[in-house]
């Protein structure tokens, strides 16, 4: 298997999901479970790093192409709250 940092984001995520499924099945011995857990934690770190790099790249692109004032962090809670109030108002 390729090194975790060399995998594309989607492939690393798919492998992590596969490891979680394998760990959920209790037929593995302790040593095998520990190896899979270790691989999973490495993949999780790589995935978080790749997401952080993508976020930084988007920030740079927005600042370069739209300007500093146009950049606003995405607020998931704010959007959900607006959607709920719109539904209640209807």
Protein backbone atom coordinates (compact mmCIF):
# COMPACT_ATOMS: atom_id res chain seq x y z
CA UNK A 1 0.00 0.00 0.00
CA UNK A 2 1.17 3.54 -0.77
CA UNK A 3 2.13 5.89 2.02
CA UNK A 4 -0.87 7.73 3.45
CA UNK A 5 0.47 11.17 2.49
CA UNK A 6 0.82 10.03 -1.14
CA UNK A 7 -2.85 9.04 -1.44
CA UNK A 8 -5.45 11.31 -2.96
CA UNK A 9 -7.88 12.66 -0.38
CA UNK A 10 -10.75 10.51 -1.64
CA UNK A 11 -8.64 7.35 -1.62
CA UNK A 12 -7.39 8.03 1.92
CA UNK A 13 -10.96 8.64 3.11
CA UNK A 14 -12.17 5.44 1.46
CA UNK A 15 -9.34 3.47 3.13
CA UNK A 16 -10.15 5.02 6.51
CA UNK A 17 -13.81 4.06 6.11
CA UNK A 18 -12.72 0.52 5.20
CA UNK A 19 -10.53 0.32 8.32
CA UNK A 20 -13.42 1.46 10.51
CA UNK A 21 -15.63 -1.27 9.05
CA UNK A 22 -12.91 -3.86 9.63
CA UNK A 23 -12.46 -2.71 13.23
CA UNK A 24 -16.21 -2.88 13.82
CA UNK A 25 -16.10 -6.57 13.02
CA UNK A 26 -14.77 -8.27 16.13
CA UNK A 27 -13.12 -11.23 14.37
CA UNK A 28 -9.66 -9.64 14.43
CA UNK A 29 -7.12 -10.37 17.12
CA UNK A 30 -5.72 -7.58 19.26
CA UNK A 31 -2.48 -7.21 17.28
CA UNK A 32 -4.34 -6.89 13.96
CA UNK A 33 -6.78 -4.39 15.48
CA UNK A 34 -3.90 -2.28 16.80
CA UNK A 35 -2.22 -2.21 13.37
CA UNK A 36 -5.46 -1.15 11.69
CA UNK A 37 -6.05 1.48 14.38
CA UNK A 38 -2.53 2.85 13.88
CA UNK A 39 -3.04 3.03 10.12
CA UNK A 40 -6.38 4.74 10.67
CA UNK A 41 -4.91 7.41 12.94
CA UNK A 42 -2.19 8.13 10.37
CA UNK A 43 -4.82 8.45 7.65
CA UNK A 44 -6.93 10.74 9.82
CA UNK A 45 -3.93 13.05 10.38
CA UNK A 46 -3.20 13.10 6.64
CA UNK A 47 -6.85 13.86 5.84
CA UNK A 48 -6.95 16.75 8.31
CA UNK A 49 -3.70 18.13 6.88
CA UNK A 50 -5.03 17.91 3.32
CA UNK A 51 -8.25 19.68 4.35
CA UNK A 52 -6.27 22.42 6.06
CA UNK A 53 -4.09 22.86 2.97
CA UNK A 54 -7.18 23.08 0.75
CA UNK A 55 -8.75 25.67 3.06
CA UNK A 56 -5.61 27.79 2.96
CA UNK A 57 -5.45 27.54 -0.83
CA UNK A 58 -9.09 28.65 -1.13
CA UNK A 59 -8.40 31.59 1.19
CA UNK A 60 -5.44 32.68 -0.94
CA UNK A 61 -7.39 32.32 -4.18
CA UNK A 62 -10.33 34.32 -2.83
CA UNK A 63 -8.04 37.07 -1.53
CA UNK A 64 -6.16 37.23 -4.83
CA UNK A 65 -9.22 37.17 -7.07
CA UNK A 66 -11.96 38.84 -5.04
CA UNK A 67 -10.22 40.75 -2.29
CA UNK A 68 -9.85 40.67 1.48
CA UNK A 69 -13.30 42.10 2.21
CA UNK A 70 -15.05 39.34 0.25
CA UNK A 71 -13.66 36.51 2.35
CA UNK A 72 -15.93 35.36 5.13
CA UNK A 73 -15.60 32.00 6.88
CA UNK A 74 -18.44 29.59 6.27
CA UNK A 75 -20.70 29.28 9.31
CA UNK A 76 -22.65 26.04 9.17
CA UNK A 77 -24.71 26.93 12.27
CA UNK A 78 -25.74 30.27 10.81
CA UNK A 79 -26.98 28.68 7.59
CA UNK A 80 -28.96 26.02 9.46
CA UNK A 81 -30.53 28.66 11.69
CA UNK A 82 -31.59 30.74 8.69
CA UNK A 83 -33.09 27.72 6.98
CA UNK A 84 -35.11 26.84 10.06
CA UNK A 85 -36.50 30.35 10.45
CA UNK A 86 -37.44 30.44 6.78
CA UNK A 87 -39.29 27.17 7.14
CA UNK A 88 -41.14 28.41 10.22
CA UNK A 89 -42.06 31.67 8.46
CA UNK A 90 -43.59 29.82 5.51
